[in-house]
Amino acid sequence: MGKRLRLGPRLRKLVEFCALHAHTEYGTQMIADALDISRQSVKQYLRLLRGAYNEAKGVQTGPSGAEVFWTKKIGGGYVHGVKARFEIIDENEF
């Protein structure tokens, strides 16, 4: 079983977006538009999500948060993607 991330509603929306667009590259503006946030907030949320992943992972071997929730510069902008399979579970469902 994988690690569980405890996320607030805004980061959860980002993860939901990533899950819906798995195996796809998407631009910062595309995420910003989908979540109704600024491009700068997208960058901040991705940084927080990577940190939450690294914290949940601990010292175990495996990919880092930056490898799972990746960003690369292409041309004049950035594209983002996810290199993982995951499921979203509400804790109050248990």
N, C-alpha and C. Protein backbone atom coordinates (compact mmCIF):
# COMPACT_ATOMS: atom_id res chain seq x y z
N MET A 1 0.84 -1.17 0.00
CA MET A 1 0.00 0.00 0.00
C MET A 1 0.89 1.24 0.00
N GLY A 2 0.47 2.26 -0.71
CA GLY A 2 1.25 3.48 -0.82
C GLY A 2 1.10 4.38 0.38
N LYS A 3 1.76 5.49 0.30
CA LYS A 3 1.70 6.49 1.37
C LYS A 3 0.47 7.35 1.22
N ARG A 4 -0.02 7.83 2.35
CA ARG A 4 -1.17 8.73 2.35
C ARG A 4 -0.70 10.16 2.58
N LEU A 5 -1.22 11.05 1.77
CA LEU A 5 -0.93 12.47 1.93
C LEU A 5 -2.15 13.13 2.54
N ARG A 6 -1.93 13.91 3.55
CA ARG A 6 -3.01 14.71 4.13
C ARG A 6 -2.95 16.08 3.47
N LEU A 7 -3.99 16.40 2.72
CA LEU A 7 -3.99 17.64 1.95
C LEU A 7 -5.23 18.46 2.25
N GLY A 8 -5.06 19.75 2.22
CA GLY A 8 -6.20 20.65 2.35
C GLY A 8 -6.97 20.71 1.04
N PRO A 9 -8.05 21.46 1.02
CA PRO A 9 -8.91 21.48 -0.16
C PRO A 9 -8.25 22.01 -1.43
N ARG A 10 -7.37 22.96 -1.31
CA ARG A 10 -6.74 23.52 -2.51
C ARG A 10 -5.74 22.55 -3.13
N LEU A 11 -4.91 21.94 -2.29
CA LEU A 11 -3.96 20.96 -2.84
C LEU A 11 -4.71 19.73 -3.34
N ARG A 12 -5.80 19.39 -2.69
CA ARG A 12 -6.60 18.25 -3.15
C ARG A 12 -7.14 18.52 -4.55
N LYS A 13 -7.58 19.75 -4.81
CA LYS A 13 -8.07 20.09 -6.15
C LYS A 13 -6.96 19.92 -7.19
N LEU A 14 -5.73 20.27 -6.81
CA LEU A 14 -4.60 20.10 -7.72
C LEU A 14 -4.37 18.61 -7.99
N VAL A 15 -4.42 17.79 -6.96
CA VAL A 15 -4.23 16.34 -7.13
C VAL A 15 -5.35 15.76 -7.98
N GLU A 16 -6.58 16.21 -7.76
CA GLU A 16 -7.70 15.74 -8.58
C GLU A 16 -7.48 16.10 -10.04
N PHE A 17 -7.00 17.32 -10.30
CA PHE A 17 -6.69 17.73 -11.66
C PHE A 17 -5.63 16.81 -12.26
N CYS A 18 -4.59 16.53 -11.50
CA CYS A 18 -3.51 15.65 -11.97
C CYS A 18 -4.04 14.25 -12.27
N ALA A 19 -4.92 13.76 -11.42
CA ALA A 19 -5.49 12.42 -11.63
C ALA A 19 -6.33 12.38 -12.90
N LEU A 20 -7.09 13.43 -13.15
CA LEU A 20 -7.93 13.47 -14.35
C LEU A 20 -7.11 13.61 -15.63
N HIS A 21 -5.91 14.16 -15.52
CA HIS A 21 -5.07 14.39 -16.68
C HIS A 21 -3.77 13.58 -16.59
N ALA A 22 -3.87 12.39 -16.03
CA ALA A 22 -2.68 11.54 -15.89
C ALA A 22 -2.10 11.21 -17.27
N HIS A 23 -0.80 11.03 -17.31
CA HIS A 23 -0.07 10.69 -18.54
C HIS A 23 -0.18 11.78 -19.60
N THR A 24 -0.35 13.01 -19.15
CA THR A 24 -0.47 14.16 -20.04
C THR A 24 0.41 15.29 -19.51
N GLU A 25 0.99 16.04 -20.40
CA GLU A 25 1.69 17.26 -19.99
C GLU A 25 0.70 18.41 -20.05
N TYR A 26 0.74 19.29 -19.07
CA TYR A 26 -0.16 20.43 -19.06
C TYR A 26 0.60 21.66 -18.61
N GLY A 27 0.23 22.78 -19.20
CA GLY A 27 0.91 24.04 -18.92
C GLY A 27 0.42 24.68 -17.64
N THR A 28 1.22 25.59 -17.13
CA THR A 28 0.88 26.30 -15.90
C THR A 28 -0.45 27.03 -16.05
N GLN A 29 -0.66 27.68 -17.18
CA GLN A 29 -1.90 28.42 -17.39
C GLN A 29 -3.11 27.49 -17.42
N MET A 30 -2.95 26.31 -18.00
CA MET A 30 -4.05 25.35 -18.04
C MET A 30 -4.49 24.96 -16.63
N ILE A 31 -3.52 24.73 -15.75
CA ILE A 31 -3.84 24.39 -14.36
C ILE A 31 -4.48 25.59 -13.67
N ALA A 32 -3.89 26.76 -13.88
CA ALA A 32 -4.42 27.98 -13.26
C ALA A 32 -5.88 28.20 -13.65
N ASP A 33 -6.18 28.04 -14.92
CA ASP A 33 -7.55 28.23 -15.40
C ASP A 33 -8.49 27.18 -14.80
N ALA A 34 -8.05 25.93 -14.75
CA ALA A 34 -8.90 24.85 -14.24
C ALA A 34 -9.21 25.03 -12.75
N LEU A 35 -8.23 25.54 -11.99
CA LEU A 35 -8.40 25.69 -10.54
C LEU A 35 -8.82 27.10 -10.15
N ASP A 36 -8.90 28.00 -11.11
CA ASP A 36 -9.25 29.40 -10.88
C ASP A 36 -8.29 30.06 -9.89
N ILE A 37 -6.99 29.88 -10.19
CA ILE A 37 -5.93 30.48 -9.38
C ILE A 37 -4.92 31.13 -10.33
N SER A 38 -3.96 31.84 -9.77
CA SER A 38 -2.92 32.47 -10.59
C SER A 38 -1.83 31.46 -10.96
N ARG A 39 -1.05 31.81 -11.97
CA ARG A 39 0.08 30.94 -12.36
C ARG A 39 1.07 30.83 -11.21
N GLN A 40 1.28 31.91 -10.48
CA GLN A 40 2.19 31.86 -9.33
C GLN A 40 1.68 30.90 -8.26
N SER A 41 0.37 30.88 -8.06
CA SER A 41 -0.21 29.94 -7.08
C SER A 41 -0.01 28.50 -7.53
N VAL A 42 -0.08 28.25 -8.84
CA VAL A 42 0.16 26.89 -9.35
C VAL A 42 1.56 26.44 -8.94
N LYS A 43 2.53 27.31 -9.14
CA LYS A 43 3.91 26.96 -8.78
C LYS A 43 4.04 26.72 -7.28
N GLN A 44 3.39 27.55 -6.49
CA GLN A 44 3.44 27.39 -5.04
C GLN A 44 2.75 26.08 -4.62
N TYR A 45 1.59 25.79 -5.17
CA TYR A 45 0.87 24.57 -4.82
C TYR A 45 1.67 23.32 -5.19
N LEU A 46 2.31 23.36 -6.37
CA LEU A 46 3.14 22.21 -6.76
C LEU A 46 4.30 22.03 -5.79
N ARG A 47 4.90 23.13 -5.36
CA ARG A 47 6.00 23.05 -4.39
C ARG A 47 5.51 22.45 -3.08
N LEU A 48 4.33 22.89 -2.61
CA LEU A 48 3.75 22.34 -1.38
C LEU A 48 3.39 20.87 -1.53
N LEU A 49 2.86 20.50 -2.69
CA LEU A 49 2.49 19.10 -2.94
C LEU A 49 3.73 18.21 -2.95
N ARG A 50 4.78 18.67 -3.58
CA ARG A 50 6.04 17.90 -3.57
C ARG A 50 6.58 17.73 -2.16
N GLY A 51 6.49 18.79 -1.37
CA GLY A 51 6.95 18.71 0.03
C GLY A 51 6.11 17.75 0.84
N ALA A 52 4.79 17.77 0.65
CA ALA A 52 3.90 16.83 1.37
C ALA A 52 4.22 15.39 0.98
N TYR A 53 4.49 15.18 -0.30
CA TYR A 53 4.85 13.84 -0.77
C TYR A 53 6.16 13.39 -0.12
N ASN A 54 7.16 14.26 -0.13
CA ASN A 54 8.46 13.91 0.46
C ASN A 54 8.32 13.62 1.95
N GLU A 55 7.49 14.39 2.63
CA GLU A 55 7.28 14.18 4.07
C GLU A 55 6.60 12.84 4.33
N ALA A 56 5.61 12.50 3.53
CA ALA A 56 4.92 11.22 3.70
C ALA A 56 5.83 10.06 3.35
N LYS A 57 6.68 10.24 2.37
CA LYS A 57 7.60 9.19 1.93
C LYS A 57 8.67 8.93 2.97
N GLY A 58 9.10 9.96 3.67
CA GLY A 58 10.15 9.80 4.68
C GLY A 58 11.48 9.44 4.04
N VAL A 59 12.20 8.55 4.70
CA VAL A 59 13.55 8.19 4.24
C VAL A 59 13.55 6.98 3.31
N GLN A 60 12.39 6.49 2.96
CA GLN A 60 12.32 5.34 2.07
C GLN A 60 12.90 5.68 0.71
N THR A 61 13.42 4.65 0.06
CA THR A 61 13.92 4.87 -1.30
C THR A 61 12.74 5.01 -2.25
N GLY A 62 13.01 5.56 -3.37
CA GLY A 62 11.95 5.77 -4.36
C GLY A 62 12.03 7.17 -4.89
N PRO A 63 11.15 7.49 -5.81
CA PRO A 63 11.20 8.81 -6.43
C PRO A 63 10.86 9.93 -5.44
N SER A 64 11.44 11.07 -5.68
CA SER A 64 11.17 12.25 -4.85
C SER A 64 9.88 12.92 -5.33
N GLY A 65 9.41 13.87 -4.55
CA GLY A 65 8.23 14.63 -4.94
C GLY A 65 8.42 15.34 -6.26
N ALA A 66 9.62 15.84 -6.51
CA ALA A 66 9.91 16.54 -7.77
C ALA A 66 9.91 15.58 -8.96
N GLU A 67 10.21 14.31 -8.71
CA GLU A 67 10.17 13.32 -9.79
C GLU A 67 8.74 12.84 -10.06
N VAL A 68 7.92 12.78 -9.01
CA VAL A 68 6.54 12.33 -9.16
C VAL A 68 5.69 13.45 -9.75
N PHE A 69 5.75 14.62 -9.16
CA PHE A 69 5.02 15.80 -9.65
C PHE A 69 6.04 16.70 -10.33
N TRP A 70 6.33 16.41 -11.58
CA TRP A 70 7.46 17.04 -12.27
C TRP A 70 7.07 18.30 -13.03
N THR A 71 8.08 19.12 -13.26
CA THR A 71 7.96 20.35 -14.04
C THR A 71 9.20 20.46 -14.92
N LYS A 72 8.99 20.83 -16.17
CA LYS A 72 10.15 21.09 -17.02
C LYS A 72 9.88 22.32 -17.88
N LYS A 73 10.97 23.00 -18.20
CA LYS A 73 10.87 24.22 -19.00
C LYS A 73 10.95 23.84 -20.47
N ILE A 74 9.98 24.33 -21.22
CA ILE A 74 9.95 24.09 -22.65
C ILE A 74 9.63 25.41 -23.33
N GLY A 75 10.49 25.81 -24.24
CA GLY A 75 10.27 27.09 -24.92
C GLY A 75 10.26 28.22 -23.92
N GLY A 76 9.20 29.00 -23.93
CA GLY A 76 9.11 30.15 -23.03
C GLY A 76 8.28 29.88 -21.80
N GLY A 77 7.91 28.63 -21.54
CA GLY A 77 7.06 28.35 -20.38
C GLY A 77 7.40 27.02 -19.75
N TYR A 78 6.51 26.57 -18.90
CA TYR A 78 6.71 25.33 -18.16
C TYR A 78 5.56 24.37 -18.43
N VAL A 79 5.89 23.09 -18.44
CA VAL A 79 4.86 22.06 -18.49
C VAL A 79 5.02 21.18 -17.26
N HIS A 80 3.92 20.59 -16.85
CA HIS A 80 3.88 19.80 -15.62
C HIS A 80 3.25 18.44 -15.93
N GLY A 81 3.54 17.48 -15.08
CA GLY A 81 2.95 16.16 -15.24
C GLY A 81 3.11 15.35 -13.98
N VAL A 82 2.58 14.15 -14.01
CA VAL A 82 2.64 13.23 -12.87
C VAL A 82 3.17 11.90 -13.35
N LYS A 83 4.10 11.35 -12.59
CA LYS A 83 4.68 10.05 -12.89
C LYS A 83 4.32 9.08 -11.78
N ALA A 84 3.04 8.87 -11.57
CA ALA A 84 2.61 7.96 -10.50
C ALA A 84 1.15 7.60 -10.71
N ARG A 85 0.77 6.49 -10.13
CA ARG A 85 -0.65 6.13 -10.06
C ARG A 85 -1.08 6.38 -8.62
N PHE A 86 -2.26 6.90 -8.46
CA PHE A 86 -2.73 7.16 -7.11
C PHE A 86 -4.24 7.15 -7.09
N GLU A 87 -4.78 7.03 -5.90
CA GLU A 87 -6.22 7.14 -5.72
C GLU A 87 -6.49 8.16 -4.65
N ILE A 88 -7.66 8.77 -4.74
CA ILE A 88 -8.06 9.80 -3.78
C ILE A 88 -9.11 9.21 -2.87
N ILE A 89 -8.84 9.28 -1.57
CA ILE A 89 -9.75 8.72 -0.56
C ILE A 89 -10.08 9.81 0.43
N ASP A 90 -11.36 9.98 0.71
CA ASP A 90 -11.77 10.90 1.77
C ASP A 90 -11.69 10.16 3.09
N GLU A 91 -11.01 10.76 4.07
CA GLU A 91 -10.86 10.08 5.36
C GLU A 91 -12.19 9.85 6.06
N ASN A 92 -13.16 10.72 5.83
CA ASN A 92 -14.42 10.55 6.50
C ASN A 92 -15.26 9.41 5.90
N GLU A 93 -14.75 8.75 4.86
CA GLU A 93 -15.43 7.60 4.28
C GLU A 93 -15.19 6.34 5.12
N PHE A 94 -14.26 6.37 6.04
CA PHE A 94 -13.92 5.18 6.82
C PHE A 94 -14.54 5.22 8.19
